[in-house]
Amino acid sequence: MTDAALLARNADGAILVVRHGKITKDQARLSQERLEQVDAKLLGVVMNMVPTKGRGYGYGYGYGYGYGYAPDLSGESAQ
């Protein structure tokens, strides 16, 4: 995190990217504090690997956009 914080100080800021279920609140707070220590601005937080509701075929984002693996319902295998 230290290298990223120092780079963020020389940029407009930093976006903290965290994996769902793999970071604690304390770790996220520490990351924010490290940015503040070097006068870097936290622009936002992105959570990746967030499970979707329902069948759970991949990961998605809001506003109707998404990505992931869809089940092959045709019965054909892709090669």
Protein backbone atom coordinates (compact mmCIF):
# COMPACT_ATOMS: atom_id res chain seq x y z
CA MET A 1 0.00 0.00 0.00
CA THR A 2 2.85 2.44 0.66
CA ASP A 3 3.99 2.64 -2.98
CA ALA A 4 0.41 3.15 -4.14
CA ALA A 5 -0.12 5.90 -1.57
CA LEU A 6 3.00 7.72 -2.69
CA LEU A 7 1.93 7.47 -6.34
CA ALA A 8 -1.56 8.70 -5.44
CA ARG A 9 -0.07 11.77 -3.81
CA ASN A 10 1.35 12.80 -7.18
CA ALA A 11 -1.90 12.03 -9.02
CA ASP A 12 -5.39 13.43 -8.64
CA GLY A 13 -6.07 10.68 -6.11
CA ALA A 14 -6.57 6.96 -5.72
CA ILE A 15 -9.37 4.47 -6.14
CA LEU A 16 -9.24 1.69 -3.58
CA VAL A 17 -10.11 -1.68 -5.14
CA VAL A 18 -11.09 -4.39 -2.67
CA ARG A 19 -12.26 -7.97 -3.08
CA HIS A 20 -15.58 -8.83 -1.49
CA GLY A 21 -15.16 -11.08 1.51
CA LYS A 22 -11.36 -10.77 1.59
CA ILE A 23 -10.83 -7.41 3.31
CA THR A 24 -11.82 -6.36 6.80
CA LYS A 25 -13.14 -2.96 7.80
CA ASP A 26 -9.92 -2.39 9.72
CA GLN A 27 -7.82 -3.11 6.63
CA ALA A 28 -9.91 -0.71 4.53
CA ARG A 29 -9.65 1.95 7.23
CA LEU A 30 -5.86 1.46 7.40
CA SER A 31 -5.63 1.90 3.63
CA GLN A 32 -7.55 5.16 3.90
CA GLU A 33 -5.31 6.34 6.74
CA ARG A 34 -2.17 5.55 4.72
CA LEU A 35 -3.47 7.71 1.89
CA GLU A 36 -4.21 10.54 4.32
CA GLN A 37 -0.70 10.28 5.82
CA VAL A 38 0.84 11.23 2.48
CA ASP A 39 -1.84 13.81 1.61
CA ALA A 40 -3.32 11.64 -1.14
CA LYS A 41 -7.02 11.93 -1.91
CA LEU A 42 -9.25 8.85 -1.82
CA LEU A 43 -11.53 9.22 -4.84
CA GLY A 44 -13.65 6.15 -4.17
CA VAL A 45 -13.85 2.45 -3.49
CA VAL A 46 -14.57 -0.35 -5.94
CA MET A 47 -15.62 -3.76 -4.68
CA ASN A 48 -14.91 -6.62 -7.04
CA MET A 49 -15.90 -10.28 -6.93
CA VAL A 50 -19.27 -9.36 -5.37
CA PRO A 51 -21.67 -12.30 -5.67
CA THR A 52 -24.85 -11.68 -7.63
CA LYS A 53 -28.31 -12.50 -6.40
CA GLY A 54 -30.05 -15.52 -7.83
CA ARG A 55 -28.21 -18.29 -9.61
CA GLY A 56 -24.78 -16.77 -9.21
CA TYR A 57 -23.47 -17.01 -12.77
CA GLY A 58 -20.56 -14.60 -12.48
CA TYR A 59 -20.27 -11.06 -11.24
CA GLY A 60 -22.01 -7.93 -12.40
CA TYR A 61 -22.33 -4.21 -12.07
CA GLY A 62 -25.36 -1.99 -11.73
CA TYR A 63 -27.13 0.13 -14.32
CA GLY A 64 -27.82 -2.80 -16.61
CA TYR A 65 -24.19 -3.48 -17.48
CA GLY A 66 -22.45 -6.65 -16.50
CA TYR A 67 -20.00 -9.34 -17.37
CA GLY A 68 -19.37 -12.90 -16.40
CA TYR A 69 -19.92 -16.40 -17.60
CA ALA A 70 -23.38 -17.40 -18.69
CA PRO A 71 -24.51 -21.02 -18.74
CA ASP A 72 -24.54 -22.71 -22.15
CA LEU A 73 -28.19 -23.61 -22.51
CA SER A 74 -27.86 -24.88 -26.09
CA GLY A 75 -26.22 -28.13 -25.04
CA GLU A 76 -23.29 -27.46 -27.41
CA SER A 77 -19.78 -27.12 -26.10
CA ALA A 78 -17.71 -24.14 -27.22
CA GLN A 79 -14.43 -25.06 -28.91
